[in-house]
Amino acid sequence: MSDHGKRWPTNTTGGGRAGGLSIWWTSEVSLTCMDTEAHFLDMQVNDRHKGPWRFTGVYGRPGSKDKDKTNSLLKDLSKRWGGPWLVGGDLNQIEGLEEKTGGRRADDVEMSRFTCCFTEAGLNDLSLRGYEFTWENRRGHEGYIEERLDRFLGNDLWILKFPEGRVQHLDQNRSDHRPIACRTEGDEDEKPRWGWSFRFDPFWAKHEECAAIVEDTWKGNLLTDTFGKLSFCQQKREDWSRERFPNFNKQRLKILRAMRSLERLQKTELVLQQLKQLQTKLNDLEDNEEQYWKQQSRAD
């Protein structure tokens, strides 16, 4: 374990290509492991500002006959702690018909038992902002299914401790599950996520071109004061960086915006085909970006 991150794995195996559960955290966070078993990780978060609270990561059993085992697990875990409690993960169940589109009708009894489990465990579903589904089977139009299988749940004490908490989607990845995040403070949607702001990347300092630009700009503005020279340098470096390095973020944002627009439409065969093409472009972009920086590292 490094000073910058730690992890706990479990022996969870979901079958097939599933890899199980693990929890990662930075050295700024203090966690105490309370219990780990095949389908959950249970820990105490020692928050310097908010006091201790509990987080349980859960992987719900996927088989219809095993769903009650997940419900029983949540009810059992609820009896072990009387403080603020947050639960999150792929629970492999839905609460109502509005959480599924396509495929056969969900079982009413299973949905009812899942909802009753929340009540008995003292948990509240934390609403998901943005697109309502978190999983898709990535099949053609006729067999296409989407469901909200991933979620966060919090008891009353956790919600009182973090009244500004939000659950929202992260950027799409290669998985059939769309990642979600629970933010304990602030409204991330109100903060600008994109846009150009200047940052000096230490990687630039390895390029002789960068040093030459700084030197030429500084010597070429003899009548300008120090702050003026710094401003000129900043502008020249920004122009050089845009030309020298591909703007992967700009390309990624363009693709993600197109995907979000299509997600609001009815999932016709054409829409699904376009989404698949955009996902391929996004995957290729990530591969190209990784390869690009590897080549840059070797070159220097």
Protein backbone atom coordinates (compact mmCIF):
# COMPACT_ATOMS: atom_id res chain seq x y z
CA MET A 1 0.00 0.00 0.00
CA SER A 2 1.33 3.41 -0.95
CA ASP A 3 1.01 6.65 1.00
CA HIS A 4 -1.40 7.94 -1.64
CA GLY A 5 -3.99 5.19 -1.64
CA LYS A 6 -5.10 2.00 0.06
CA ARG A 7 -7.59 -0.71 -0.76
CA TRP A 8 -9.49 -3.64 0.67
CA PRO A 9 -10.52 -6.41 -1.67
CA THR A 10 -13.02 -9.14 -0.92
CA ASN A 11 -13.30 -12.65 -2.24
CA THR A 12 -16.48 -11.67 -4.05
CA THR A 13 -16.95 -13.30 -7.43
CA GLY A 14 -20.06 -12.58 -9.39
CA GLY A 15 -19.34 -15.27 -11.96
CA GLY A 16 -18.18 -14.84 -15.54
CA ARG A 17 -16.03 -11.75 -15.94
CA ALA A 18 -17.13 -10.08 -12.69
CA GLY A 19 -14.21 -9.12 -10.47
CA GLY A 20 -15.80 -8.51 -7.09
CA LEU A 21 -15.63 -5.58 -4.69
CA SER A 22 -12.84 -3.36 -3.44
CA ILE A 23 -12.70 -0.03 -1.65
CA TRP A 24 -10.05 2.59 -2.43
CA TRP A 25 -9.29 5.70 -0.43
CA THR A 26 -6.63 8.36 -0.13
CA SER A 27 -4.33 8.96 2.81
CA GLU A 28 -6.49 11.98 3.74
CA VAL A 29 -9.32 9.64 4.76
CA SER A 30 -9.26 7.33 7.77
CA LEU A 31 -11.27 4.10 7.50
CA THR A 32 -11.78 1.28 9.96
CA CYS A 33 -12.81 -2.08 8.55
CA MET A 34 -15.79 -3.47 10.44
CA ASP A 35 -16.55 -6.56 8.38
CA THR A 36 -16.04 -8.05 4.91
CA GLU A 37 -17.76 -11.02 3.34
CA ALA A 38 -18.46 -12.32 -0.14
CA HIS A 39 -21.00 -9.67 -1.11
CA PHE A 40 -20.23 -6.63 1.02
CA LEU A 41 -17.58 -4.39 2.54
CA ASP A 42 -18.53 -2.67 5.81
CA MET A 43 -16.43 0.14 7.26
CA GLN A 44 -16.45 3.16 9.53
CA VAL A 45 -15.44 6.49 8.00
CA ASN A 46 -13.61 8.62 10.53
CA ASP A 47 -14.49 12.12 9.33
CA ARG A 48 -12.48 14.87 11.00
CA HIS A 49 -15.16 17.47 10.31
CA LYS A 50 -18.43 15.53 10.52
CA GLY A 51 -17.58 12.79 12.99
CA PRO A 52 -17.76 9.03 12.37
CA TRP A 53 -20.22 7.48 9.97
CA ARG A 54 -20.58 4.13 8.29
CA PHE A 55 -20.36 3.05 4.66
CA THR A 56 -21.27 -0.36 3.29
CA GLY A 57 -20.48 -1.34 -0.29
CA VAL A 58 -22.78 -4.08 -1.56
CA TYR A 59 -22.87 -6.35 -4.60
CA GLY A 60 -26.38 -7.80 -4.80
CA ARG A 61 -26.88 -11.39 -5.84
CA PRO A 62 -28.14 -11.43 -9.45
CA GLY A 63 -30.26 -14.60 -9.44
CA SER A 64 -33.98 -14.29 -8.81
CA LYS A 65 -33.85 -16.97 -6.12
CA ASP A 66 -31.05 -15.13 -4.29
CA LYS A 67 -32.47 -11.60 -4.20
CA ASP A 68 -33.98 -12.16 -0.75
CA LYS A 69 -30.46 -12.90 0.53
CA THR A 70 -29.44 -9.35 -0.39
CA ASN A 71 -32.54 -7.98 1.35
CA SER A 72 -31.79 -10.03 4.47
CA LEU A 73 -28.18 -8.82 4.41
CA LEU A 74 -29.23 -5.17 4.48
CA LYS A 75 -31.69 -5.77 7.32
CA ASP A 76 -29.04 -7.65 9.30
CA LEU A 77 -26.40 -4.95 8.76
CA SER A 78 -28.84 -2.27 9.92
CA LYS A 79 -28.85 -3.81 13.40
CA ARG A 80 -25.08 -3.46 13.82
CA TRP A 81 -24.87 0.33 13.89
CA GLY A 82 -26.98 3.10 15.38
CA GLY A 83 -25.29 6.06 13.70
CA PRO A 84 -25.24 7.64 10.23
CA TRP A 85 -25.12 4.95 7.54
CA LEU A 86 -24.63 5.04 3.77
CA VAL A 87 -25.04 2.01 1.51
CA GLY A 88 -23.98 1.92 -2.14
CA GLY A 89 -23.38 -0.50 -4.96
CA ASP A 90 -24.88 -2.71 -7.62
CA LEU A 91 -27.86 -4.16 -5.75
CA ASN A 92 -29.13 -6.00 -8.85
CA GLN A 93 -32.74 -5.10 -8.07
CA ILE A 94 -35.22 -2.39 -8.97
CA GLU A 95 -37.83 -0.72 -6.79
CA GLY A 96 -40.53 -0.05 -9.39
CA LEU A 97 -41.53 -0.42 -13.03
CA GLU A 98 -40.25 3.10 -13.77
CA GLU A 99 -36.72 1.82 -13.10
CA LYS A 100 -36.75 -0.52 -16.09
CA THR A 101 -37.37 -0.23 -19.81
CA GLY A 102 -37.55 -3.09 -22.28
CA GLY A 103 -37.60 -6.82 -21.70
CA ARG A 104 -40.15 -8.73 -19.70
CA ARG A 105 -42.13 -7.09 -16.93
CA ALA A 106 -40.32 -7.04 -13.59
CA ASP A 107 -41.69 -9.26 -10.84
CA ASP A 108 -44.09 -7.29 -8.59
CA VAL A 109 -43.34 -9.45 -5.55
CA GLU A 110 -39.57 -8.96 -5.90
CA MET A 111 -39.97 -5.19 -6.24
CA SER A 112 -42.28 -5.05 -3.22
CA ARG A 113 -39.87 -7.06 -1.06
CA PHE A 114 -36.99 -4.81 -2.11
CA THR A 115 -38.94 -1.69 -1.12
CA CYS A 116 -40.01 -3.22 2.20
CA CYS A 117 -36.37 -4.05 2.87
CA PHE A 118 -35.51 -0.34 2.77
CA THR A 119 -38.18 0.42 5.36
CA GLU A 120 -37.13 -2.37 7.71
CA ALA A 121 -33.46 -1.40 7.43
CA GLY A 122 -34.26 2.30 7.98
CA LEU A 123 -32.81 3.29 4.61
CA ASN A 124 -33.93 5.94 2.14
CA ASP A 125 -33.24 5.80 -1.58
CA LEU A 126 -31.04 8.77 -2.53
CA SER A 127 -32.43 10.11 -5.80
CA LEU A 128 -30.23 9.90 -8.85
CA ARG A 129 -29.70 13.11 -10.76
CA GLY A 130 -29.60 12.99 -14.52
CA TYR A 131 -30.27 9.91 -16.60
CA GLU A 132 -32.46 7.47 -14.67
CA PHE A 133 -30.85 4.16 -15.65
CA THR A 134 -27.46 2.78 -14.62
CA TRP A 135 -27.22 -0.48 -16.58
CA GLU A 136 -27.90 -1.59 -20.16
CA ASN A 137 -27.57 -4.95 -21.89
CA ARG A 138 -26.19 -3.34 -25.08
CA ARG A 139 -28.26 -5.47 -27.41
CA GLY A 140 -30.18 -4.47 -30.52
CA HIS A 141 -33.41 -2.51 -30.56
CA GLU A 142 -35.74 -5.50 -30.11
CA GLY A 143 -33.90 -6.92 -27.08
CA TYR A 144 -32.64 -3.68 -25.54
CA ILE A 145 -33.05 -3.36 -21.75
CA GLU A 146 -32.09 -0.62 -19.30
CA GLU A 147 -32.45 -0.73 -15.52
CA ARG A 148 -31.48 1.23 -12.45
CA LEU A 149 -29.50 -1.47 -10.68
CA ASP A 150 -26.92 0.77 -8.96
CA ARG A 151 -27.89 3.15 -6.18
CA PHE A 152 -27.03 4.77 -2.88
CA LEU A 153 -29.18 4.48 0.25
CA GLY A 154 -28.87 6.50 3.44
CA ASN A 155 -30.55 6.36 6.82
CA ASP A 156 -32.13 9.43 8.40
CA LEU A 157 -29.04 10.25 10.48
CA TRP A 158 -26.77 10.19 7.41
CA ILE A 159 -29.12 12.48 5.49
CA LEU A 160 -29.22 14.89 8.44
CA LYS A 161 -25.42 14.86 8.60
CA PHE A 162 -25.08 15.50 4.85
CA PRO A 163 -28.17 17.49 3.82
CA GLU A 164 -26.48 18.70 0.62
CA GLY A 165 -25.49 15.21 -0.50
CA ARG A 166 -26.08 14.36 -4.17
CA VAL A 167 -26.00 11.21 -6.29
CA GLN A 168 -25.11 11.72 -9.93
CA HIS A 169 -23.71 9.97 -12.98
CA LEU A 170 -20.06 10.06 -13.90
CA ASP A 171 -18.83 9.94 -17.48
CA GLN A 172 -19.65 6.83 -19.47
CA ASN A 173 -17.04 4.07 -19.62
CA ARG A 174 -16.61 0.69 -21.30
CA SER A 175 -18.72 -1.15 -18.77
CA ASP A 176 -22.39 -1.98 -19.24
CA HIS A 177 -22.89 -0.17 -15.91
CA ARG A 178 -22.83 3.61 -15.85
CA PRO A 179 -20.77 4.79 -12.84
CA ILE A 180 -22.47 6.89 -10.19
CA ALA A 181 -21.03 9.01 -7.38
CA CYS A 182 -22.40 10.18 -4.06
CA ARG A 183 -21.07 13.62 -3.21
CA THR A 184 -21.46 14.50 0.44
CA GLU A 185 -21.27 18.26 0.06
CA GLY A 186 -22.27 20.91 -2.43
CA ASP A 187 -24.06 20.72 -5.72
CA GLU A 188 -21.56 19.60 -8.32
CA ASP A 189 -23.96 20.51 -11.13
CA GLU A 190 -23.61 24.19 -10.27
CA LYS A 191 -19.85 24.09 -10.57
CA PRO A 192 -18.28 24.49 -14.02
CA ARG A 193 -16.74 21.17 -15.02
CA TRP A 194 -15.27 22.18 -18.33
CA GLY A 195 -13.67 25.21 -19.85
CA TRP A 196 -10.14 26.38 -20.43
CA SER A 197 -8.15 27.66 -17.49
CA PHE A 198 -4.38 27.94 -17.58
CA ARG A 199 -2.33 25.48 -15.56
CA PHE A 200 1.39 24.97 -15.96
CA ASP A 201 2.00 21.28 -16.55
CA PRO A 202 5.42 20.13 -15.25
CA PHE A 203 5.49 17.80 -18.25
CA TRP A 204 6.00 20.87 -20.47
CA ALA A 205 9.29 21.70 -18.78
CA LYS A 206 10.82 18.60 -20.38
CA HIS A 207 10.33 20.09 -23.84
CA GLU A 208 13.06 22.34 -25.20
CA GLU A 209 10.41 24.20 -27.19
CA CYS A 210 8.76 25.42 -24.00
CA ALA A 211 11.98 26.80 -22.55
CA ALA A 212 12.74 28.56 -25.85
CA ILE A 213 9.27 30.15 -25.92
CA VAL A 214 9.69 31.49 -22.39
CA GLU A 215 13.17 32.85 -23.13
CA ASP A 216 12.19 34.47 -26.44
CA THR A 217 9.06 36.03 -24.96
CA TRP A 218 10.93 37.38 -21.96
CA LYS A 219 13.77 38.89 -24.02
CA GLY A 220 11.40 40.23 -26.65
CA ASN A 221 9.53 42.46 -24.23
CA LEU A 222 12.29 44.51 -22.66
CA LEU A 223 10.07 47.55 -22.07
CA THR A 224 7.38 45.56 -20.26
CA ASP A 225 7.33 45.11 -16.48
CA THR A 226 7.53 41.69 -14.81
CA PHE A 227 3.77 41.15 -14.62
CA GLY A 228 3.41 42.05 -18.28
CA LYS A 229 6.12 39.59 -19.26
CA LEU A 230 4.43 36.85 -17.22
CA SER A 231 1.16 37.56 -19.03
CA PHE A 232 2.87 37.34 -22.43
CA CYS A 233 4.53 34.06 -21.39
CA GLN A 234 1.23 32.60 -20.27
CA GLN A 235 -0.46 33.43 -23.58
CA LYS A 236 2.43 32.08 -25.65
CA ARG A 237 2.54 28.85 -23.64
CA GLU A 238 -1.22 28.39 -24.00
CA ASP A 239 -0.97 28.82 -27.79
CA TRP A 240 1.99 26.45 -27.95
CA SER A 241 0.27 23.84 -25.77
CA ARG A 242 -2.89 23.83 -27.91
CA GLU A 243 -0.78 23.31 -31.04
CA ARG A 244 1.73 20.87 -29.55
CA PHE A 245 -0.64 18.59 -27.60
CA PRO A 246 -3.97 17.17 -28.80
CA ASN A 247 -6.93 18.56 -26.85
CA PHE A 248 -8.33 15.25 -25.66
CA ASN A 249 -10.69 16.92 -23.18
CA LYS A 250 -12.34 18.98 -25.89
CA GLN A 251 -12.87 15.91 -28.07
CA ARG A 252 -14.18 13.90 -25.10
CA LEU A 253 -16.64 16.64 -24.15
CA LYS A 254 -17.99 16.80 -27.68
CA ILE A 255 -18.65 13.04 -27.73
CA LEU A 256 -20.23 13.01 -24.25
CA ARG A 257 -22.58 15.87 -25.13
CA ALA A 258 -23.74 14.00 -28.21
CA MET A 259 -24.32 10.85 -26.15
CA ARG A 260 -26.34 12.71 -23.52
CA SER A 261 -28.54 14.23 -26.20
CA LEU A 262 -29.25 10.81 -27.71
CA GLU A 263 -29.98 9.26 -24.30
CA ARG A 264 -33.03 11.49 -23.95
CA LEU A 265 -34.56 10.05 -27.10
CA GLN A 266 -36.60 6.89 -27.53
CA LYS A 267 -34.24 3.94 -27.99
CA THR A 268 -34.94 3.19 -31.64
CA GLU A 269 -32.59 1.02 -33.66
CA LEU A 270 -31.03 4.14 -35.21
CA VAL A 271 -30.48 5.84 -31.83
CA LEU A 272 -28.89 2.70 -30.37
CA GLN A 273 -26.62 2.41 -33.39
CA GLN A 274 -25.51 6.03 -33.01
CA LEU A 275 -24.88 5.55 -29.28
CA LYS A 276 -22.78 2.49 -30.03
CA GLN A 277 -20.74 4.43 -32.59
CA LEU A 278 -20.14 7.26 -30.12
CA GLN A 279 -19.11 4.81 -27.41
CA THR A 280 -16.59 3.29 -29.83
CA LYS A 281 -15.24 6.77 -30.59
CA LEU A 282 -14.92 7.49 -26.87
CA ASN A 283 -13.08 4.21 -26.27
CA ASP A 284 -10.75 4.91 -29.20
CA LEU A 285 -10.08 8.41 -27.91
CA GLU A 286 -9.10 7.07 -24.49
CA ASP A 287 -6.80 4.50 -26.11
CA ASN A 288 -5.21 7.19 -28.29
CA GLU A 289 -4.70 9.49 -25.32
CA GLU A 290 -3.02 6.76 -23.30
CA GLN A 291 -0.81 5.81 -26.22
CA TYR A 292 0.07 9.43 -26.91
CA TRP A 293 1.33 10.11 -23.40
CA LYS A 294 3.26 6.85 -23.36
CA GLN A 295 5.06 7.93 -26.52
CA GLN A 296 5.74 11.37 -25.09
CA SER A 297 7.20 9.80 -21.97
CA ARG A 298 9.54 7.58 -24.01
CA ALA A 299 10.60 10.49 -26.20
CA ASP A 300 11.72 12.46 -23.17
